[in-house]
Amino acid sequence: NMVYPQMNSLNTEDTATYFCAARADVNVVT
């Protein structure tokens, strides 16, 4: 029950608080 975002070539614009979220769905939602 784990999900891993691998973040490469980070830049200053990537600075933020990162959240994971879940939804009961088969289709991707943005």
mmCIF file of all heavy atoms, coordinates in Angstrom:
data_MODEL
# 
_entry.id   MODEL 
# 
loop_
_atom_site.group_PDB 
_atom_site.id 
_atom_site.type_symbol 
_atom_site.label_atom_id 
_atom_site.label_alt_id 
_atom_site.label_comp_id 
_atom_site.label_asym_id 
_atom_site.label_entity_id 
_atom_site.label_seq_id 
_atom_site.pdbx_PDB_ins_code 
_atom_site.Cartn_x 
_atom_site.Cartn_y 
_atom_site.Cartn_z 
_atom_site.occupancy 
_atom_site.B_iso_or_equiv 
_atom_site.pdbx_formal_charge 
_atom_site.auth_seq_id 
_atom_site.auth_comp_id 
_atom_site.auth_asym_id 
_atom_site.auth_atom_id 
_atom_site.pdbx_PDB_model_num 
ATOM 1   N N   . ASN A 1 1  ? 0.831   -1.210 0.000   1.00 0.00 ? 1  ASN A N   1 
ATOM 2   C CA  . ASN A 1 1  ? 0.000   0.000  0.000   1.00 0.00 ? 1  ASN A CA  1 
ATOM 3   C C   . ASN A 1 1  ? 0.863   1.257  0.000   1.00 0.00 ? 1  ASN A C   1 
ATOM 4   O O   . ASN A 1 1  ? 0.646   2.187  0.785   1.00 0.00 ? 1  ASN A O   1 
ATOM 5   C CB  . ASN A 1 1  ? -0.953  0.006  1.198   1.00 0.00 ? 1  ASN A CB  1 
ATOM 6   C CG  . ASN A 1 1  ? -2.066  -1.020 1.073   1.00 0.00 ? 1  ASN A CG  1 
ATOM 7   O OD1 . ASN A 1 1  ? -2.252  -1.625 0.022   1.00 0.00 ? 1  ASN A OD1 1 
ATOM 8   N ND2 . ASN A 1 1  ? -2.812  -1.215 2.154   1.00 0.00 ? 1  ASN A ND2 1 
ATOM 9   N N   . MET A 1 2  ? 1.843   1.276  -0.899  1.00 0.00 ? 2  MET A N   1 
ATOM 10  C CA  . MET A 1 2  ? 2.784   2.382  -0.987  1.00 0.00 ? 2  MET A CA  1 
ATOM 11  C C   . MET A 1 2  ? 2.836   2.932  -2.407  1.00 0.00 ? 2  MET A C   1 
ATOM 12  O O   . MET A 1 2  ? 2.721   2.184  -3.381  1.00 0.00 ? 2  MET A O   1 
ATOM 13  C CB  . MET A 1 2  ? 4.189   1.936  -0.569  1.00 0.00 ? 2  MET A CB  1 
ATOM 14  C CG  . MET A 1 2  ? 4.291   1.460  0.869   1.00 0.00 ? 2  MET A CG  1 
ATOM 15  S SD  . MET A 1 2  ? 4.202   2.828  2.055   1.00 0.00 ? 2  MET A SD  1 
ATOM 16  C CE  . MET A 1 2  ? 5.768   3.639  1.745   1.00 0.00 ? 2  MET A CE  1 
ATOM 17  N N   . VAL A 1 3  ? 3.016   4.237  -2.512  1.00 0.00 ? 3  VAL A N   1 
ATOM 18  C CA  . VAL A 1 3  ? 3.197   4.924  -3.781  1.00 0.00 ? 3  VAL A CA  1 
ATOM 19  C C   . VAL A 1 3  ? 4.418   5.818  -3.664  1.00 0.00 ? 3  VAL A C   1 
ATOM 20  O O   . VAL A 1 3  ? 4.571   6.532  -2.670  1.00 0.00 ? 3  VAL A O   1 
ATOM 21  C CB  . VAL A 1 3  ? 1.957   5.751  -4.164  1.00 0.00 ? 3  VAL A CB  1 
ATOM 22  C CG1 . VAL A 1 3  ? 2.204   6.517  -5.466  1.00 0.00 ? 3  VAL A CG1 1 
ATOM 23  C CG2 . VAL A 1 3  ? 0.741   4.852  -4.311  1.00 0.00 ? 3  VAL A CG2 1 
ATOM 24  N N   . TYR A 1 4  ? 5.276   5.796  -4.678  1.00 0.00 ? 4  TYR A N   1 
ATOM 25  C CA  . TYR A 1 4  ? 6.552   6.509  -4.615  1.00 0.00 ? 4  TYR A CA  1 
ATOM 26  C C   . TYR A 1 4  ? 6.722   7.425  -5.820  1.00 0.00 ? 4  TYR A C   1 
ATOM 27  O O   . TYR A 1 4  ? 6.876   6.934  -6.942  1.00 0.00 ? 4  TYR A O   1 
ATOM 28  C CB  . TYR A 1 4  ? 7.725   5.534  -4.591  1.00 0.00 ? 4  TYR A CB  1 
ATOM 29  C CG  . TYR A 1 4  ? 7.625   4.454  -3.548  1.00 0.00 ? 4  TYR A CG  1 
ATOM 30  C CD1 . TYR A 1 4  ? 7.117   3.200  -3.877  1.00 0.00 ? 4  TYR A CD1 1 
ATOM 31  C CD2 . TYR A 1 4  ? 8.057   4.674  -2.251  1.00 0.00 ? 4  TYR A CD2 1 
ATOM 32  C CE1 . TYR A 1 4  ? 7.034   2.197  -2.926  1.00 0.00 ? 4  TYR A CE1 1 
ATOM 33  C CE2 . TYR A 1 4  ? 7.979   3.679  -1.296  1.00 0.00 ? 4  TYR A CE2 1 
ATOM 34  C CZ  . TYR A 1 4  ? 7.471   2.446  -1.640  1.00 0.00 ? 4  TYR A CZ  1 
ATOM 35  O OH  . TYR A 1 4  ? 7.400   1.446  -0.697  1.00 0.00 ? 4  TYR A OH  1 
ATOM 36  N N   . PRO A 1 5  ? 6.701   8.727  -5.618  1.00 0.00 ? 5  PRO A N   1 
ATOM 37  C CA  . PRO A 1 5  ? 7.101   9.638  -6.698  1.00 0.00 ? 5  PRO A CA  1 
ATOM 38  C C   . PRO A 1 5  ? 8.604   9.836  -6.682  1.00 0.00 ? 5  PRO A C   1 
ATOM 39  O O   . PRO A 1 5  ? 9.153   10.322 -5.693  1.00 0.00 ? 5  PRO A O   1 
ATOM 40  C CB  . PRO A 1 5  ? 6.369   10.939 -6.363  1.00 0.00 ? 5  PRO A CB  1 
ATOM 41  C CG  . PRO A 1 5  ? 5.467   10.631 -5.193  1.00 0.00 ? 5  PRO A CG  1 
ATOM 42  C CD  . PRO A 1 5  ? 6.084   9.464  -4.504  1.00 0.00 ? 5  PRO A CD  1 
ATOM 43  N N   . GLN A 1 6  ? 9.259   9.439  -7.764  1.00 0.00 ? 6  GLN A N   1 
ATOM 44  C CA  . GLN A 1 6  ? 10.678  9.697  -7.935  1.00 0.00 ? 6  GLN A CA  1 
ATOM 45  C C   . GLN A 1 6  ? 10.828  11.033 -8.640  1.00 0.00 ? 6  GLN A C   1 
ATOM 46  O O   . GLN A 1 6  ? 10.367  11.197 -9.769  1.00 0.00 ? 6  GLN A O   1 
ATOM 47  C CB  . GLN A 1 6  ? 11.341  8.584  -8.750  1.00 0.00 ? 6  GLN A CB  1 
ATOM 48  C CG  . GLN A 1 6  ? 12.819  8.815  -9.037  1.00 0.00 ? 6  GLN A CG  1 
ATOM 49  C CD  . GLN A 1 6  ? 13.658  8.805  -7.787  1.00 0.00 ? 6  GLN A CD  1 
ATOM 50  O OE1 . GLN A 1 6  ? 13.554  7.892  -6.970  1.00 0.00 ? 6  GLN A OE1 1 
ATOM 51  N NE2 . GLN A 1 6  ? 14.488  9.817  -7.621  1.00 0.00 ? 6  GLN A NE2 1 
ATOM 52  N N   . MET A 1 7  ? 11.469  11.982 -7.981  1.00 0.00 ? 7  MET A N   1 
ATOM 53  C CA  . MET A 1 7  ? 11.589  13.342 -8.468  1.00 0.00 ? 7  MET A CA  1 
ATOM 54  C C   . MET A 1 7  ? 13.042  13.618 -8.821  1.00 0.00 ? 7  MET A C   1 
ATOM 55  O O   . MET A 1 7  ? 13.895  13.680 -7.940  1.00 0.00 ? 7  MET A O   1 
ATOM 56  C CB  . MET A 1 7  ? 11.083  14.328 -7.412  1.00 0.00 ? 7  MET A CB  1 
ATOM 57  C CG  . MET A 1 7  ? 9.678   14.011 -6.922  1.00 0.00 ? 7  MET A CG  1 
ATOM 58  S SD  . MET A 1 7  ? 9.273   14.726 -5.301  1.00 0.00 ? 7  MET A SD  1 
ATOM 59  C CE  . MET A 1 7  ? 9.510   16.459 -5.606  1.00 0.00 ? 7  MET A CE  1 
ATOM 60  N N   . ASN A 1 8  ? 13.317  13.777 -10.112 1.00 0.00 ? 8  ASN A N   1 
ATOM 61  C CA  . ASN A 1 8  ? 14.673  14.018 -10.593 1.00 0.00 ? 8  ASN A CA  1 
ATOM 62  C C   . ASN A 1 8  ? 14.807  15.432 -11.141 1.00 0.00 ? 8  ASN A C   1 
ATOM 63  O O   . ASN A 1 8  ? 13.824  16.090 -11.467 1.00 0.00 ? 8  ASN A O   1 
ATOM 64  C CB  . ASN A 1 8  ? 15.042  13.008 -11.681 1.00 0.00 ? 8  ASN A CB  1 
ATOM 65  C CG  . ASN A 1 8  ? 15.035  11.584 -11.197 1.00 0.00 ? 8  ASN A CG  1 
ATOM 66  O OD1 . ASN A 1 8  ? 15.330  11.309 -10.038 1.00 0.00 ? 8  ASN A OD1 1 
ATOM 67  N ND2 . ASN A 1 8  ? 14.713  10.656 -12.095 1.00 0.00 ? 8  ASN A ND2 1 
ATOM 68  N N   . SER A 1 9  ? 16.048  15.880 -11.256 1.00 0.00 ? 9  SER A N   1 
ATOM 69  C CA  . SER A 1 9  ? 16.364  17.195 -11.815 1.00 0.00 ? 9  SER A CA  1 
ATOM 70  C C   . SER A 1 9  ? 15.523  18.294 -11.177 1.00 0.00 ? 9  SER A C   1 
ATOM 71  O O   . SER A 1 9  ? 14.917  19.120 -11.863 1.00 0.00 ? 9  SER A O   1 
ATOM 72  C CB  . SER A 1 9  ? 16.173  17.179 -13.335 1.00 0.00 ? 9  SER A CB  1 
ATOM 73  O OG  . SER A 1 9  ? 16.999  16.216 -13.950 1.00 0.00 ? 9  SER A OG  1 
ATOM 74  N N   . LEU A 1 10 ? 15.499  18.306 -9.875  1.00 0.00 ? 10 LEU A N   1 
ATOM 75  C CA  . LEU A 1 10 ? 14.687  19.285 -9.156  1.00 0.00 ? 10 LEU A CA  1 
ATOM 76  C C   . LEU A 1 10 ? 15.215  20.698 -9.365  1.00 0.00 ? 10 LEU A C   1 
ATOM 77  O O   . LEU A 1 10 ? 16.424  20.917 -9.479  1.00 0.00 ? 10 LEU A O   1 
ATOM 78  C CB  . LEU A 1 10 ? 14.668  18.956 -7.665  1.00 0.00 ? 10 LEU A CB  1 
ATOM 79  C CG  . LEU A 1 10 ? 13.874  17.702 -7.279  1.00 0.00 ? 10 LEU A CG  1 
ATOM 80  C CD1 . LEU A 1 10 ? 14.196  17.280 -5.851  1.00 0.00 ? 10 LEU A CD1 1 
ATOM 81  C CD2 . LEU A 1 10 ? 12.378  17.960 -7.435  1.00 0.00 ? 10 LEU A CD2 1 
ATOM 82  N N   . ASN A 1 11 ? 14.296  21.643 -9.424  1.00 0.00 ? 11 ASN A N   1 
ATOM 83  C CA  . ASN A 1 11 ? 14.653  23.048 -9.516  1.00 0.00 ? 11 ASN A CA  1 
ATOM 84  C C   . ASN A 1 11 ? 13.882  23.829 -8.460  1.00 0.00 ? 11 ASN A C   1 
ATOM 85  O O   . ASN A 1 11 ? 13.001  23.287 -7.781  1.00 0.00 ? 11 ASN A O   1 
ATOM 86  C CB  . ASN A 1 11 ? 14.389  23.598 -10.925 1.00 0.00 ? 11 ASN A CB  1 
ATOM 87  C CG  . ASN A 1 11 ? 12.953  23.404 -11.375 1.00 0.00 ? 11 ASN A CG  1 
ATOM 88  O OD1 . ASN A 1 11 ? 12.029  23.961 -10.791 1.00 0.00 ? 11 ASN A OD1 1 
ATOM 89  N ND2 . ASN A 1 11 ? 12.765  22.615 -12.435 1.00 0.00 ? 11 ASN A ND2 1 
ATOM 90  N N   . THR A 1 12 ? 14.205  25.106 -8.316  1.00 0.00 ? 12 THR A N   1 
ATOM 91  C CA  . THR A 1 12 ? 13.608  25.906 -7.252  1.00 0.00 ? 12 THR A CA  1 
ATOM 92  C C   . THR A 1 12 ? 12.100  26.037 -7.390  1.00 0.00 ? 12 THR A C   1 
ATOM 93  O O   . THR A 1 12 ? 11.408  26.231 -6.389  1.00 0.00 ? 12 THR A O   1 
ATOM 94  C CB  . THR A 1 12 ? 14.243  27.300 -7.209  1.00 0.00 ? 12 THR A CB  1 
ATOM 95  O OG1 . THR A 1 12 ? 14.108  27.939 -8.485  1.00 0.00 ? 12 THR A OG1 1 
ATOM 96  C CG2 . THR A 1 12 ? 15.722  27.207 -6.867  1.00 0.00 ? 12 THR A CG2 1 
ATOM 97  N N   . GLU A 1 13 ? 11.566  25.922 -8.592  1.00 0.00 ? 13 GLU A N   1 
ATOM 98  C CA  . GLU A 1 13 ? 10.121  26.015 -8.792  1.00 0.00 ? 13 GLU A CA  1 
ATOM 99  C C   . GLU A 1 13 ? 9.384   24.782 -8.287  1.00 0.00 ? 13 GLU A C   1 
ATOM 100 O O   . GLU A 1 13 ? 8.155   24.789 -8.224  1.00 0.00 ? 13 GLU A O   1 
ATOM 101 C CB  . GLU A 1 13 ? 9.800   26.250 -10.268 1.00 0.00 ? 13 GLU A CB  1 
ATOM 102 C CG  . GLU A 1 13 ? 10.268  27.605 -10.790 1.00 0.00 ? 13 GLU A CG  1 
ATOM 103 C CD  . GLU A 1 13 ? 9.834   27.886 -12.200 1.00 0.00 ? 13 GLU A CD  1 
ATOM 104 O OE1 . GLU A 1 13 ? 9.346   26.956 -12.876 1.00 0.00 ? 13 GLU A OE1 1 
ATOM 105 O OE2 . GLU A 1 13 ? 9.972   29.035 -12.650 1.00 0.00 ? 13 GLU A OE2 1 
ATOM 106 N N   . ASP A 1 14 ? 10.118  23.727 -7.943  1.00 0.00 ? 14 ASP A N   1 
ATOM 107 C CA  . ASP A 1 14 ? 9.506   22.538 -7.365  1.00 0.00 ? 14 ASP A CA  1 
ATOM 108 C C   . ASP A 1 14 ? 9.305   22.679 -5.862  1.00 0.00 ? 14 ASP A C   1 
ATOM 109 O O   . ASP A 1 14 ? 8.726   21.784 -5.238  1.00 0.00 ? 14 ASP A O   1 
ATOM 110 C CB  . ASP A 1 14 ? 10.358  21.299 -7.648  1.00 0.00 ? 14 ASP A CB  1 
ATOM 111 C CG  . ASP A 1 14 ? 10.420  20.968 -9.124  1.00 0.00 ? 14 ASP A CG  1 
ATOM 112 O OD1 . ASP A 1 14 ? 9.378   21.034 -9.791  1.00 0.00 ? 14 ASP A OD1 1 
ATOM 113 O OD2 . ASP A 1 14 ? 11.530  20.633 -9.608  1.00 0.00 ? 14 ASP A OD2 1 
ATOM 114 N N   . THR A 1 15 ? 9.788   23.755 -5.276  1.00 0.00 ? 15 THR A N   1 
ATOM 115 C CA  . THR A 1 15 ? 9.622   23.979 -3.844  1.00 0.00 ? 15 THR A CA  1 
ATOM 116 C C   . THR A 1 15 ? 8.145   24.129 -3.506  1.00 0.00 ? 15 THR A C   1 
ATOM 117 O O   . THR A 1 15 ? 7.456   24.994 -4.043  1.00 0.00 ? 15 THR A O   1 
ATOM 118 C CB  . THR A 1 15 ? 10.394  25.226 -3.401  1.00 0.00 ? 15 THR A CB  1 
ATOM 119 O OG1 . THR A 1 15 ? 11.793  25.025 -3.586  1.00 0.00 ? 15 THR A OG1 1 
ATOM 120 C CG2 . THR A 1 15 ? 10.134  25.526 -1.930  1.00 0.00 ? 15 THR A CG2 1 
ATOM 121 N N   . ALA A 1 16 ? 7.652   23.272 -2.617  1.00 0.00 ? 16 ALA A N   1 
ATOM 122 C CA  . ALA A 1 16 ? 6.236   23.278 -2.250  1.00 0.00 ? 16 ALA A CA  1 
ATOM 123 C C   . ALA A 1 16 ? 5.997   22.217 -1.190  1.00 0.00 ? 16 ALA A C   1 
ATOM 124 O O   . ALA A 1 16 ? 6.871   21.401 -0.885  1.00 0.00 ? 16 ALA A O   1 
ATOM 125 C CB  . ALA A 1 16 ? 5.355   23.006 -3.472  1.00 0.00 ? 16 ALA A CB  1 
ATOM 126 N N   . THR A 1 17 ? 4.788   22.244 -0.627  1.00 0.00 ? 17 THR A N   1 
ATOM 127 C CA  . THR A 1 17 ? 4.318   21.150 0.204   1.00 0.00 ? 17 THR A CA  1 
ATOM 128 C C   . THR A 1 17 ? 3.612   20.151 -0.700  1.00 0.00 ? 17 THR A C   1 
ATOM 129 O O   . THR A 1 17 ? 2.692   20.519 -1.433  1.00 0.00 ? 17 THR A O   1 
ATOM 130 C CB  . THR A 1 17 ? 3.363   21.645 1.296   1.00 0.00 ? 17 THR A CB  1 
ATOM 131 O OG1 . THR A 1 17 ? 4.017   22.628 2.099   1.00 0.00 ? 17 THR A OG1 1 
ATOM 132 C CG2 . THR A 1 17 ? 2.932   20.494 2.187   1.00 0.00 ? 17 THR A CG2 1 
ATOM 133 N N   . TYR A 1 18 ? 4.024   18.899 -0.647  1.00 0.00 ? 18 TYR A N   1 
ATOM 134 C CA  . TYR A 1 18 ? 3.493   17.869 -1.526  1.00 0.00 ? 18 TYR A CA  1 
ATOM 135 C C   . TYR A 1 18 ? 2.510   16.989 -0.776  1.00 0.00 ? 18 TYR A C   1 
ATOM 136 O O   . TYR A 1 18 ? 2.789   16.521 0.330   1.00 0.00 ? 18 TYR A O   1 
ATOM 137 C CB  . TYR A 1 18 ? 4.625   17.021 -2.103  1.00 0.00 ? 18 TYR A CB  1 
ATOM 138 C CG  . TYR A 1 18 ? 5.397   17.723 -3.197  1.00 0.00 ? 18 TYR A CG  1 
ATOM 139 C CD1 . TYR A 1 18 ? 6.292   18.745 -2.889  1.00 0.00 ? 18 TYR A CD1 1 
ATOM 140 C CD2 . TYR A 1 18 ? 5.215   17.375 -4.533  1.00 0.00 ? 18 TYR A CD2 1 
ATOM 141 C CE1 . TYR A 1 18 ? 6.984   19.409 -3.891  1.00 0.00 ? 18 TYR A CE1 1 
ATOM 142 C CE2 . TYR A 1 18 ? 5.911   18.030 -5.535  1.00 0.00 ? 18 TYR A CE2 1 
ATOM 143 C CZ  . TYR A 1 18 ? 6.789   19.045 -5.209  1.00 0.00 ? 18 TYR A CZ  1 
ATOM 144 O OH  . TYR A 1 18 ? 7.478   19.699 -6.207  1.00 0.00 ? 18 TYR A OH  1 
ATOM 145 N N   . PHE A 1 19 ? 1.355   16.745 -1.401  1.00 0.00 ? 19 PHE A N   1 
ATOM 146 C CA  . PHE A 1 19 ? 0.289   15.950 -0.818  1.00 0.00 ? 19 PHE A CA  1 
ATOM 147 C C   . PHE A 1 19 ? -0.034  14.765 -1.722  1.00 0.00 ? 19 PHE A C   1 
ATOM 148 O O   . PHE A 1 19 ? -0.043  14.894 -2.945  1.00 0.00 ? 19 PHE A O   1 
ATOM 149 C CB  . PHE A 1 19 ? -1.000  16.772 -0.650  1.00 0.00 ? 19 PHE A CB  1 
ATOM 150 C CG  . PHE A 1 19 ? -0.859  17.978 0.224   1.00 0.00 ? 19 PHE A CG  1 
ATOM 151 C CD1 . PHE A 1 19 ? -0.412  19.182 -0.288  1.00 0.00 ? 19 PHE A CD1 1 
ATOM 152 C CD2 . PHE A 1 19 ? -1.195  17.908 1.567   1.00 0.00 ? 19 PHE A CD2 1 
ATOM 153 C CE1 . PHE A 1 19 ? -0.293  20.304 0.510   1.00 0.00 ? 19 PHE A CE1 1 
ATOM 154 C CE2 . PHE A 1 19 ? -1.081  19.023 2.381   1.00 0.00 ? 19 PHE A CE2 1 
ATOM 155 C CZ  . PHE A 1 19 ? -0.626  20.220 1.852   1.00 0.00 ? 19 PHE A CZ  1 
ATOM 156 N N   . CYS A 1 20 ? -0.319  13.625 -1.134  1.00 0.00 ? 20 CYS A N   1 
ATOM 157 C CA  . CYS A 1 20 ? -0.901  12.527 -1.884  1.00 0.00 ? 20 CYS A CA  1 
ATOM 158 C C   . CYS A 1 20 ? -2.380  12.449 -1.559  1.00 0.00 ? 20 CYS A C   1 
ATOM 159 O O   . CYS A 1 20 ? -2.817  12.834 -0.472  1.00 0.00 ? 20 CYS A O   1 
ATOM 160 C CB  . CYS A 1 20 ? -0.203  11.187 -1.607  1.00 0.00 ? 20 CYS A CB  1 
ATOM 161 S SG  . CYS A 1 20 ? -0.407  10.523 0.060   1.00 0.00 ? 20 CYS A SG  1 
ATOM 162 N N   . ALA A 1 21 ? -3.157  11.977 -2.517  1.00 0.00 ? 21 ALA A N   1 
ATOM 163 C CA  . ALA A 1 21 ? -4.600  11.898 -2.373  1.00 0.00 ? 21 ALA A CA  1 
ATOM 164 C C   . ALA A 1 21 ? -5.108  10.651 -3.086  1.00 0.00 ? 21 ALA A C   1 
ATOM 165 O O   . ALA A 1 21 ? -4.468  10.159 -4.020  1.00 0.00 ? 21 ALA A O   1 
ATOM 166 C CB  . ALA A 1 21 ? -5.269  13.153 -2.953  1.00 0.00 ? 21 ALA A CB  1 
ATOM 167 N N   . ALA A 1 22 ? -6.260  10.149 -2.650  1.00 0.00 ? 22 ALA A N   1 
ATOM 168 C CA  . ALA A 1 22 ? -6.815  8.925  -3.219  1.00 0.00 ? 22 ALA A CA  1 
ATOM 169 C C   . ALA A 1 22 ? -8.286  9.107  -3.553  1.00 0.00 ? 22 ALA A C   1 
ATOM 170 O O   . ALA A 1 22 ? -9.013  9.843  -2.876  1.00 0.00 ? 22 ALA A O   1 
ATOM 171 C CB  . ALA A 1 22 ? -6.639  7.754  -2.253  1.00 0.00 ? 22 ALA A CB  1 
ATOM 172 N N   . ARG A 1 23 ? -8.708  8.401  -4.598  1.00 0.00 ? 23 ARG A N   1 
ATOM 173 C CA  . ARG A 1 23 ? -10.094 8.437  -5.047  1.00 0.00 ? 23 ARG A CA  1 
ATOM 174 C C   . ARG A 1 23 ? -10.455 7.072  -5.613  1.00 0.00 ? 23 ARG A C   1 
ATOM 175 O O   . ARG A 1 23 ? -9.652  6.474  -6.339  1.00 0.00 ? 23 ARG A O   1 
ATOM 176 C CB  . ARG A 1 23 ? -10.287 9.519  -6.115  1.00 0.00 ? 23 ARG A CB  1 
ATOM 177 C CG  . ARG A 1 23 ? -11.621 9.454  -6.841  1.00 0.00 ? 23 ARG A CG  1 
ATOM 178 C CD  . ARG A 1 23 ? -11.667 10.454 -7.991  1.00 0.00 ? 23 ARG A CD  1 
ATOM 179 N NE  . ARG A 1 23 ? -12.810 10.238 -8.862  1.00 0.00 ? 23 ARG A NE  1 
ATOM 180 C CZ  . ARG A 1 23 ? -14.023 10.733 -8.659  1.00 0.00 ? 23 ARG A CZ  1 
ATOM 181 N NH1 . ARG A 1 23 ? -14.257 11.493 -7.586  1.00 0.00 ? 23 ARG A NH1 1 
ATOM 182 N NH2 . ARG A 1 23 ? -15.011 10.482 -9.503  1.00 0.00 ? 23 ARG A NH2 1 
ATOM 183 N N   . ALA A 1 24 ? -11.648 6.567  -5.291  1.00 0.00 ? 24 ALA A N   1 
ATOM 184 C CA  . ALA A 1 24 ? -12.118 5.297  -5.828  1.00 0.00 ? 24 ALA A CA  1 
ATOM 185 C C   . ALA A 1 24 ? -12.514 5.494  -7.278  1.00 0.00 ? 24 ALA A C   1 
ATOM 186 O O   . ALA A 1 24 ? -13.601 5.981  -7.581  1.00 0.00 ? 24 ALA A O   1 
ATOM 187 C CB  . ALA A 1 24 ? -13.286 4.756  -5.008  1.00 0.00 ? 24 ALA A CB  1 
ATOM 188 N N   . ASP A 1 25 ? -11.620 5.110  -8.179  1.00 0.00 ? 25 ASP A N   1 
ATOM 189 C CA  . ASP A 1 25 ? -11.848 5.327  -9.597  1.00 0.00 ? 25 ASP A CA  1 
ATOM 190 C C   . ASP A 1 25 ? -10.855 4.490  -10.387 1.00 0.00 ? 25 ASP A C   1 
ATOM 191 O O   . ASP A 1 25 ? -9.779  4.152  -9.887  1.00 0.00 ? 25 ASP A O   1 
ATOM 192 C CB  . ASP A 1 25 ? -11.687 6.806  -9.954  1.00 0.00 ? 25 ASP A CB  1 
ATOM 193 C CG  . ASP A 1 25 ? -12.513 7.230  -11.159 1.00 0.00 ? 25 ASP A CG  1 
ATOM 194 O OD1 . ASP A 1 25 ? -12.807 6.380  -12.016 1.00 0.00 ? 25 ASP A OD1 1 
ATOM 195 O OD2 . ASP A 1 25 ? -12.865 8.422  -11.230 1.00 0.00 ? 25 ASP A OD2 1 
ATOM 196 N N   . VAL A 1 26 ? -11.209 4.166  -11.609 1.00 0.00 ? 26 VAL A N   1 
ATOM 197 C CA  . VAL A 1 26 ? -10.294 3.482  -12.509 1.00 0.00 ? 26 VAL A CA  1 
ATOM 198 C C   . VAL A 1 26 ? -9.650  4.480  -13.462 1.00 0.00 ? 26 VAL A C   1 
ATOM 199 O O   . VAL A 1 26 ? -8.576  4.215  -14.020 1.00 0.00 ? 26 VAL A O   1 
ATOM 200 C CB  . VAL A 1 26 ? -11.017 2.372  -13.311 1.00 0.00 ? 26 VAL A CB  1 
ATOM 201 C CG1 . VAL A 1 26 ? -12.056 2.974  -14.249 1.00 0.00 ? 26 VAL A CG1 1 
ATOM 202 C CG2 . VAL A 1 26 ? -10.029 1.511  -14.075 1.00 0.00 ? 26 VAL A CG2 1 
ATOM 203 N N   . ASN A 1 27 ? -10.283 5.624  -13.637 1.00 0.00 ? 27 ASN A N   1 
ATOM 204 C CA  . ASN A 1 27 ? -9.783  6.655  -14.529 1.00 0.00 ? 27 ASN A CA  1 
ATOM 205 C C   . ASN A 1 27 ? -8.977  7.684  -13.754 1.00 0.00 ? 27 ASN A C   1 
ATOM 206 O O   . ASN A 1 27 ? -9.309  8.033  -12.620 1.00 0.00 ? 27 ASN A O   1 
ATOM 207 C CB  . ASN A 1 27 ? -10.934 7.351  -15.251 1.00 0.00 ? 27 ASN A CB  1 
ATOM 208 C CG  . ASN A 1 27 ? -11.786 6.395  -16.054 1.00 0.00 ? 27 ASN A CG  1 
ATOM 209 O OD1 . ASN A 1 27 ? -11.270 5.624  -16.862 1.00 0.00 ? 27 ASN A OD1 1 
ATOM 210 N ND2 . ASN A 1 27 ? -13.090 6.427  -15.843 1.00 0.00 ? 27 ASN A ND2 1 
ATOM 211 N N   . VAL A 1 28 ? -7.926  8.196  -14.364 1.00 0.00 ? 28 VAL A N   1 
ATOM 212 C CA  . VAL A 1 28 ? -7.103  9.208  -13.717 1.00 0.00 ? 28 VAL A CA  1 
ATOM 213 C C   . VAL A 1 28 ? -7.863  10.527 -13.668 1.00 0.00 ? 28 VAL A C   1 
ATOM 214 O O   . VAL A 1 28 ? -8.601  10.872 -14.590 1.00 0.00 ? 28 VAL A O   1 
ATOM 215 C CB  . VAL A 1 28 ? -5.748  9.382  -14.429 1.00 0.00 ? 28 VAL A CB  1 
ATOM 216 C CG1 . VAL A 1 28 ? -4.927  8.115  -14.307 1.00 0.00 ? 28 VAL A CG1 1 
ATOM 217 C CG2 . VAL A 1 28 ? -5.947  9.752  -15.890 1.00 0.00 ? 28 VAL A CG2 1 
ATOM 218 N N   . VAL A 1 29 ? -7.688  11.265 -12.573 1.00 0.00 ? 29 VAL A N   1 
ATOM 219 C CA  . VAL A 1 29 ? -8.353  12.527 -12.334 1.00 0.00 ? 29 VAL A CA  1 
ATOM 220 C C   . VAL A 1 29 ? -7.309  13.534 -11.880 1.00 0.00 ? 29 VAL A C   1 
ATOM 221 O O   . VAL A 1 29 ? -6.456  13.215 -11.047 1.00 0.00 ? 29 VAL A O   1 
ATOM 222 C CB  . VAL A 1 29 ? -9.464  12.393 -11.272 1.00 0.00 ? 29 VAL A CB  1 
ATOM 223 C CG1 . VAL A 1 29 ? -10.073 13.748 -10.956 1.00 0.00 ? 29 VAL A CG1 1 
ATOM 224 C CG2 . VAL A 1 29 ? -10.531 11.429 -11.741 1.00 0.00 ? 29 VAL A CG2 1 
ATOM 225 N N   . THR A 1 30 ? -7.376  14.750 -12.402 1.00 0.00 ? 30 THR A N   1 
ATOM 226 C CA  . THR A 1 30 ? -6.396  15.775 -12.083 1.00 0.00 ? 30 THR A CA  1 
ATOM 227 C C   . THR A 1 30 ? -6.960  16.909 -11.232 1.00 0.00 ? 30 THR A C   1 
ATOM 228 O O   . THR A 1 30 ? -6.203  17.777 -10.807 1.00 0.00 ? 30 THR A O   1 
ATOM 229 C CB  . THR A 1 30 ? -5.795  16.369 -13.367 1.00 0.00 ? 30 THR A CB  1 
ATOM 230 O OG1 . THR A 1 30 ? -6.823  17.002 -14.140 1.00 0.00 ? 30 THR A OG1 1 
ATOM 231 C CG2 . THR A 1 30 ? -5.145  15.281 -14.208 1.00 0.00 ? 30 THR A CG2 1 
# 
